[in-house]
Structure formats: C-alpha cells, structure tokens
C-alpha cells in the first residue's frame, strides 16, 4: 500500500523521457504531413501538364496549388521534396500558360477554334 503514492525509478525515467518522445512524435507527424502535401502537389503538377498535353484543360490552378502545397511541405520540414514540388508547380504553370497561348507545337489552345 505504501508504494501506491510513490513512483519507482523506472517510472520516473519514463516520465522524464516523455517530453523528448513527444517531440519526436510531433516532428515525425510534421514530416509526414509535409511529405503528404508535397506528394499531392506533385500529382497535381504532373496531372496539370498531362491534361494540357491531352488538350483537356488549360486551367492554371493545378500548377498554383502544387506550388502552394510545396511551400506548405517545405515549411513542415520536407525541405527537398517541398522545393522540388514548388519547381514542378512553376514548370506546370508556365507549361499551361504557354500551351494556352499556342506556343507549344502540337498542342492547340482550347477555345480558339472556330466551328463553322
């Protein structure tokens, strides 16, 4: 009965280690969220380029959203992947803009054809 109010040496060590373990978990969760946002950004950037090549869309929002998700991933500790996502989003943005103005051979701008 006397030991109910007291903590053992092992329990005290576990309590002292918890702040570092909590910080490790928090950092791991931040890194996971950062990598996840970067992956979604990469999918959006590549998807925007593919849609332009197929002639299905000339919307720039996929590239912009990819850049925003890359910045979010960079700020959540996924440094290299975040920077790569921002670069891919910028490339997708410029590619979509170039295709919508007719600067890319073989990709016709949407909405500029006349049926008649």
N, C-alpha and C. Protein backbone atom coordinates (compact mmCIF):
# COMPACT_ATOMS: atom_id res chain seq x y z
N UNK A 1 0.80 -1.20 0.00
CA UNK A 1 0.00 0.00 0.00
C UNK A 1 0.84 1.26 0.00
N UNK A 2 2.02 1.18 0.58
CA UNK A 2 2.86 2.35 0.64
C UNK A 2 3.38 2.75 -0.74
N UNK A 3 3.52 1.79 -1.64
CA UNK A 3 4.10 2.08 -2.95
C UNK A 3 3.10 2.72 -3.92
N UNK A 4 1.83 2.83 -3.54
CA UNK A 4 0.85 3.41 -4.45
C UNK A 4 1.12 4.89 -4.72
N UNK A 5 1.55 5.63 -3.75
CA UNK A 5 1.79 7.05 -3.92
C UNK A 5 3.17 7.35 -4.44
N UNK A 6 4.06 6.40 -4.40
CA UNK A 6 5.43 6.61 -4.84
C UNK A 6 5.62 6.08 -6.25
N UNK A 7 6.57 6.67 -6.94
CA UNK A 7 6.92 6.16 -8.27
C UNK A 7 8.28 5.50 -8.20
N UNK A 8 8.43 4.45 -8.96
CA UNK A 8 9.70 3.74 -8.96
C UNK A 8 10.70 4.50 -9.84
N UNK A 9 11.93 4.05 -9.77
CA UNK A 9 13.00 4.67 -10.56
C UNK A 9 12.71 4.54 -12.06
N UNK A 10 12.18 3.40 -12.48
CA UNK A 10 11.87 3.17 -13.90
C UNK A 10 10.75 4.10 -14.35
N UNK A 11 9.73 4.25 -13.53
CA UNK A 11 8.61 5.12 -13.89
C UNK A 11 9.05 6.58 -13.98
N UNK A 12 9.96 6.99 -13.08
CA UNK A 12 10.47 8.37 -13.15
C UNK A 12 11.28 8.59 -14.41
N UNK A 13 12.05 7.60 -14.82
CA UNK A 13 12.81 7.73 -16.06
C UNK A 13 11.89 7.81 -17.26
N UNK A 14 10.82 7.04 -17.25
CA UNK A 14 9.87 7.10 -18.36
C UNK A 14 9.18 8.45 -18.42
N UNK A 15 8.86 9.00 -17.27
CA UNK A 15 8.24 10.32 -17.24
C UNK A 15 9.19 11.40 -17.73
N UNK A 16 10.46 11.24 -17.43
CA UNK A 16 11.44 12.22 -17.88
C UNK A 16 11.70 12.08 -19.37
N UNK A 17 11.59 10.90 -19.92
CA UNK A 17 11.82 10.68 -21.35
C UNK A 17 10.63 11.07 -22.20
N UNK A 18 9.47 11.20 -21.64
CA UNK A 18 8.28 11.52 -22.42
C UNK A 18 8.36 12.84 -23.18
N UNK A 19 8.91 13.91 -22.64
CA UNK A 19 8.99 15.13 -23.44
C UNK A 19 9.80 14.95 -24.71
N UNK A 20 10.88 14.23 -24.66
CA UNK A 20 11.66 14.02 -25.88
C UNK A 20 10.93 13.09 -26.84
N UNK A 21 10.23 12.10 -26.30
CA UNK A 21 9.47 11.19 -27.16
C UNK A 21 8.30 11.93 -27.80
N UNK A 22 7.65 12.81 -27.05
CA UNK A 22 6.56 13.60 -27.62
C UNK A 22 7.06 14.51 -28.72
N UNK A 23 8.23 15.10 -28.52
CA UNK A 23 8.81 15.98 -29.54
C UNK A 23 9.15 15.18 -30.79
N UNK A 24 9.69 13.97 -30.62
CA UNK A 24 10.00 13.12 -31.76
C UNK A 24 8.73 12.76 -32.52
N UNK A 25 7.68 12.43 -31.80
CA UNK A 25 6.40 12.11 -32.46
C UNK A 25 5.84 13.31 -33.20
N UNK A 26 5.94 14.48 -32.57
CA UNK A 26 5.45 15.70 -33.19
C UNK A 26 6.23 16.01 -34.46
N UNK A 27 7.56 15.86 -34.41
CA UNK A 27 8.39 16.11 -35.58
C UNK A 27 8.10 15.10 -36.69
N UNK A 28 7.89 13.85 -36.30
CA UNK A 28 7.58 12.81 -37.29
C UNK A 28 6.23 13.08 -37.95
N UNK A 29 5.27 13.55 -37.17
CA UNK A 29 3.96 13.87 -37.72
C UNK A 29 4.04 15.07 -38.66
N UNK A 30 4.84 16.07 -38.29
CA UNK A 30 5.04 17.23 -39.17
C UNK A 30 5.68 16.80 -40.48
N UNK A 31 6.69 15.94 -40.39
CA UNK A 31 7.37 15.48 -41.60
C UNK A 31 6.43 14.66 -42.48
N UNK A 32 5.60 13.83 -41.86
CA UNK A 32 4.64 13.04 -42.62
C UNK A 32 3.63 13.94 -43.32
N UNK A 33 3.11 14.93 -42.62
CA UNK A 33 2.16 15.86 -43.23
C UNK A 33 2.82 16.65 -44.35
N UNK A 34 4.08 17.04 -44.16
CA UNK A 34 4.80 17.76 -45.20
C UNK A 34 5.01 16.92 -46.44
N UNK A 35 5.41 15.67 -46.24
CA UNK A 35 5.62 14.78 -47.39
C UNK A 35 4.31 14.49 -48.09
N UNK A 36 3.24 14.33 -47.33
CA UNK A 36 1.93 14.08 -47.92
C UNK A 36 1.47 15.26 -48.77
N UNK A 37 1.64 16.47 -48.26
CA UNK A 37 1.23 17.65 -49.04
C UNK A 37 2.09 17.79 -50.29
N UNK A 38 3.37 17.45 -50.19
CA UNK A 38 4.24 17.51 -51.38
C UNK A 38 3.82 16.48 -52.42
N UNK A 39 3.47 15.29 -51.97
CA UNK A 39 3.03 14.26 -52.91
C UNK A 39 1.76 14.67 -53.65
N UNK A 40 0.82 15.26 -52.92
CA UNK A 40 -0.41 15.74 -53.55
C UNK A 40 -0.06 16.86 -54.55
N UNK A 41 0.87 17.73 -54.18
CA UNK A 41 1.29 18.80 -55.08
C UNK A 41 1.95 18.27 -56.33
N UNK A 42 2.78 17.23 -56.18
CA UNK A 42 3.43 16.63 -57.35
C UNK A 42 2.39 16.00 -58.27
N UNK A 43 1.42 15.32 -57.70
CA UNK A 43 0.36 14.71 -58.52
C UNK A 43 -0.42 15.80 -59.26
N UNK A 44 -0.70 16.91 -58.59
CA UNK A 44 -1.42 18.00 -59.25
C UNK A 44 -0.59 18.63 -60.36
N UNK A 45 0.69 18.83 -60.12
CA UNK A 45 1.55 19.43 -61.14
C UNK A 45 1.68 18.55 -62.37
N UNK A 46 1.96 17.28 -62.14
CA UNK A 46 2.08 16.34 -63.27
C UNK A 46 0.73 16.17 -63.96
N UNK A 47 -0.34 16.11 -63.18
CA UNK A 47 -1.68 15.99 -63.78
C UNK A 47 -2.04 17.20 -64.62
N UNK A 48 -1.66 18.39 -64.19
CA UNK A 48 -1.92 19.59 -64.98
C UNK A 48 -1.19 19.57 -66.31
N UNK A 49 0.06 19.10 -66.29
CA UNK A 49 0.83 19.00 -67.54
C UNK A 49 0.22 17.96 -68.47
N UNK A 50 -0.18 16.83 -67.91
CA UNK A 50 -0.79 15.77 -68.74
C UNK A 50 -2.11 16.24 -69.35
N UNK A 51 -2.92 16.95 -68.57
CA UNK A 51 -4.18 17.45 -69.11
C UNK A 51 -3.97 18.43 -70.25
N UNK A 52 -2.93 19.23 -70.15
CA UNK A 52 -2.63 20.16 -71.24
C UNK A 52 -2.18 19.40 -72.48
N UNK A 53 -1.34 18.40 -72.29
CA UNK A 53 -0.86 17.61 -73.43
C UNK A 53 -2.00 16.87 -74.12
N UNK A 54 -2.98 16.45 -73.34
CA UNK A 54 -4.14 15.77 -73.93
C UNK A 54 -5.15 16.75 -74.51
N UNK A 55 -4.97 18.02 -74.23
CA UNK A 55 -5.88 19.03 -74.74
C UNK A 55 -7.18 19.10 -73.97
N UNK A 56 -7.19 18.61 -72.74
CA UNK A 56 -8.41 18.56 -71.98
C UNK A 56 -8.63 19.79 -71.11
N UNK A 57 -7.57 20.54 -70.80
CA UNK A 57 -7.71 21.66 -69.90
C UNK A 57 -6.60 22.67 -70.12
N UNK A 58 -6.91 23.92 -69.85
CA UNK A 58 -5.87 24.95 -69.85
C UNK A 58 -5.98 25.78 -68.56
N UNK A 59 -6.35 25.10 -67.49
CA UNK A 59 -6.54 25.74 -66.20
C UNK A 59 -5.22 25.79 -65.44
N UNK A 60 -4.86 26.95 -64.91
CA UNK A 60 -3.59 27.13 -64.23
C UNK A 60 -3.66 26.80 -62.75
N UNK A 61 -4.83 26.50 -62.25
CA UNK A 61 -4.98 26.29 -60.80
C UNK A 61 -4.21 25.07 -60.30
N UNK A 62 -4.01 24.05 -61.12
CA UNK A 62 -3.26 22.87 -60.68
C UNK A 62 -1.81 23.24 -60.39
N UNK A 63 -1.22 24.06 -61.24
CA UNK A 63 0.15 24.49 -61.02
C UNK A 63 0.30 25.38 -59.80
N UNK A 64 -0.65 26.29 -59.63
CA UNK A 64 -0.61 27.19 -58.48
C UNK A 64 -0.80 26.41 -57.19
N UNK A 65 -1.75 25.49 -57.18
CA UNK A 65 -1.99 24.68 -55.99
C UNK A 65 -0.79 23.78 -55.68
N UNK A 66 -0.13 23.28 -56.71
CA UNK A 66 1.08 22.48 -56.50
C UNK A 66 2.17 23.31 -55.83
N UNK A 67 2.31 24.56 -56.26
CA UNK A 67 3.32 25.44 -55.64
C UNK A 67 2.97 25.73 -54.19
N UNK A 68 1.69 25.98 -53.91
CA UNK A 68 1.26 26.26 -52.53
C UNK A 68 1.49 25.04 -51.65
N UNK A 69 1.16 23.86 -52.13
CA UNK A 69 1.38 22.64 -51.34
C UNK A 69 2.87 22.37 -51.15
N UNK A 70 3.69 22.74 -52.14
CA UNK A 70 5.13 22.61 -51.99
C UNK A 70 5.68 23.52 -50.91
N UNK A 71 5.17 24.75 -50.85
CA UNK A 71 5.59 25.68 -49.80
C UNK A 71 5.14 25.16 -48.43
N UNK A 72 3.94 24.62 -48.37
CA UNK A 72 3.45 24.04 -47.11
C UNK A 72 4.33 22.88 -46.68
N UNK A 73 4.67 21.99 -47.61
CA UNK A 73 5.54 20.87 -47.30
C UNK A 73 6.92 21.33 -46.87
N UNK A 74 7.43 22.37 -47.51
CA UNK A 74 8.73 22.91 -47.13
C UNK A 74 8.70 23.46 -45.71
N UNK A 75 7.62 24.12 -45.37
CA UNK A 75 7.51 24.67 -44.02
C UNK A 75 7.26 23.60 -42.97
N UNK A 76 6.80 22.43 -43.38
CA UNK A 76 6.58 21.32 -42.46
C UNK A 76 7.75 20.34 -42.45
N UNK A 77 8.92 20.81 -42.80
CA UNK A 77 10.19 20.08 -42.67
C UNK A 77 10.50 19.12 -43.80
N UNK A 78 9.73 19.07 -44.85
CA UNK A 78 10.07 18.24 -46.00
C UNK A 78 10.79 19.15 -47.00
N UNK A 79 12.04 19.49 -46.71
CA UNK A 79 12.76 20.54 -47.42
C UNK A 79 12.99 20.22 -48.90
N UNK A 80 13.64 19.12 -49.19
CA UNK A 80 13.98 18.81 -50.59
C UNK A 80 12.74 18.52 -51.42
N UNK A 81 11.84 17.74 -50.87
CA UNK A 81 10.62 17.40 -51.59
C UNK A 81 9.76 18.63 -51.79
N UNK A 82 9.73 19.52 -50.81
CA UNK A 82 8.97 20.76 -50.93
C UNK A 82 9.53 21.65 -52.01
N UNK A 83 10.85 21.77 -52.07
CA UNK A 83 11.47 22.60 -53.11
C UNK A 83 11.22 21.99 -54.49
N UNK A 84 11.30 20.68 -54.60
CA UNK A 84 11.03 20.03 -55.88
C UNK A 84 9.57 20.22 -56.30
N UNK A 85 8.66 20.20 -55.34
CA UNK A 85 7.24 20.40 -55.65
C UNK A 85 6.98 21.82 -56.12
N UNK A 86 7.64 22.79 -55.50
CA UNK A 86 7.47 24.19 -55.93
C UNK A 86 8.00 24.36 -57.35
N UNK A 87 9.14 23.77 -57.65
CA UNK A 87 9.71 23.88 -59.00
C UNK A 87 8.79 23.19 -60.02
N UNK A 88 8.28 22.02 -59.68
CA UNK A 88 7.37 21.32 -60.60
C UNK A 88 6.09 22.12 -60.81
N UNK A 89 5.57 22.72 -59.75
CA UNK A 89 4.37 23.55 -59.88
C UNK A 89 4.62 24.76 -60.78
N UNK A 90 5.79 25.38 -60.66
CA UNK A 90 6.12 26.52 -61.52
C UNK A 90 6.26 26.08 -62.98
N UNK A 91 6.89 24.92 -63.19
CA UNK A 91 7.01 24.39 -64.56
C UNK A 91 5.63 24.09 -65.13
N UNK A 92 4.77 23.50 -64.33
CA UNK A 92 3.40 23.20 -64.78
C UNK A 92 2.66 24.49 -65.10
N UNK A 93 2.83 25.50 -64.28
CA UNK A 93 2.16 26.78 -64.51
C UNK A 93 2.62 27.40 -65.82
N UNK A 94 3.92 27.47 -66.04
CA UNK A 94 4.43 28.04 -67.29
C UNK A 94 4.05 27.20 -68.49
N UNK A 95 4.03 25.88 -68.34
CA UNK A 95 3.65 25.00 -69.44
C UNK A 95 2.20 25.21 -69.83
N UNK A 96 1.32 25.34 -68.84
CA UNK A 96 -0.10 25.56 -69.12
C UNK A 96 -0.31 26.90 -69.79
N UNK A 97 0.37 27.92 -69.31
CA UNK A 97 0.22 29.26 -69.91
C UNK A 97 0.76 29.25 -71.34
N UNK A 98 1.90 28.60 -71.56
CA UNK A 98 2.46 28.54 -72.91
C UNK A 98 1.55 27.76 -73.85
N UNK A 99 0.96 26.68 -73.37
CA UNK A 99 0.07 25.89 -74.21
C UNK A 99 -1.22 26.63 -74.50
N UNK A 100 -1.72 27.41 -73.55
CA UNK A 100 -2.97 28.11 -73.77
C UNK A 100 -2.81 29.27 -74.75
N UNK A 101 -1.59 29.75 -74.94
CA UNK A 101 -1.36 30.82 -75.92
C UNK A 101 -0.88 30.28 -77.26
N UNK A 102 -0.69 28.98 -77.37
CA UNK A 102 -0.30 28.37 -78.64
C UNK A 102 1.19 28.33 -78.87
N UNK A 103 2.00 28.47 -77.85
CA UNK A 103 3.45 28.48 -78.02
C UNK A 103 4.06 27.09 -78.08
N UNK A 104 3.31 26.07 -77.73
CA UNK A 104 3.83 24.70 -77.75
C UNK A 104 3.30 24.01 -79.00
N UNK A 105 4.19 23.59 -79.91
CA UNK A 105 3.74 22.94 -81.14
C UNK A 105 3.04 21.62 -80.85
N UNK A 106 1.99 21.38 -81.54
CA UNK A 106 1.24 20.14 -81.39
C UNK A 106 0.15 20.20 -80.34
N UNK A 107 0.12 21.26 -79.55
CA UNK A 107 -0.93 21.42 -78.54
C UNK A 107 -1.73 22.65 -78.92
N UNK A 108 -2.96 22.41 -79.40
CA UNK A 108 -3.81 23.52 -79.82
C UNK A 108 -4.43 24.18 -78.60
N UNK A 109 -4.46 25.51 -78.58
CA UNK A 109 -5.10 26.20 -77.47
C UNK A 109 -6.59 25.90 -77.42
N UNK A 110 -7.13 25.71 -76.25
CA UNK A 110 -8.55 25.44 -76.10
C UNK A 110 -9.36 26.72 -76.30
N UNK A 111 -10.49 26.58 -76.94
CA UNK A 111 -11.41 27.70 -77.08
C UNK A 111 -11.06 28.68 -78.17
N UNK A 112 -10.06 28.37 -78.98
CA UNK A 112 -9.68 29.29 -80.04
C UNK A 112 -10.05 28.79 -81.43
N UNK A 113 -10.63 27.62 -81.48
CA UNK A 113 -11.04 27.08 -82.78
C UNK A 113 -12.44 27.58 -83.15
N UNK A 114 -12.65 27.73 -84.43
CA UNK A 114 -13.95 28.18 -84.91
C UNK A 114 -14.60 27.05 -85.68
N UNK A 115 -15.79 26.68 -85.21
CA UNK A 115 -16.55 25.65 -85.93
C UNK A 115 -17.52 26.35 -86.86
N UNK A 116 -17.32 26.13 -88.09
CA UNK A 116 -18.28 26.81 -88.93
C UNK A 116 -17.91 26.74 -90.31
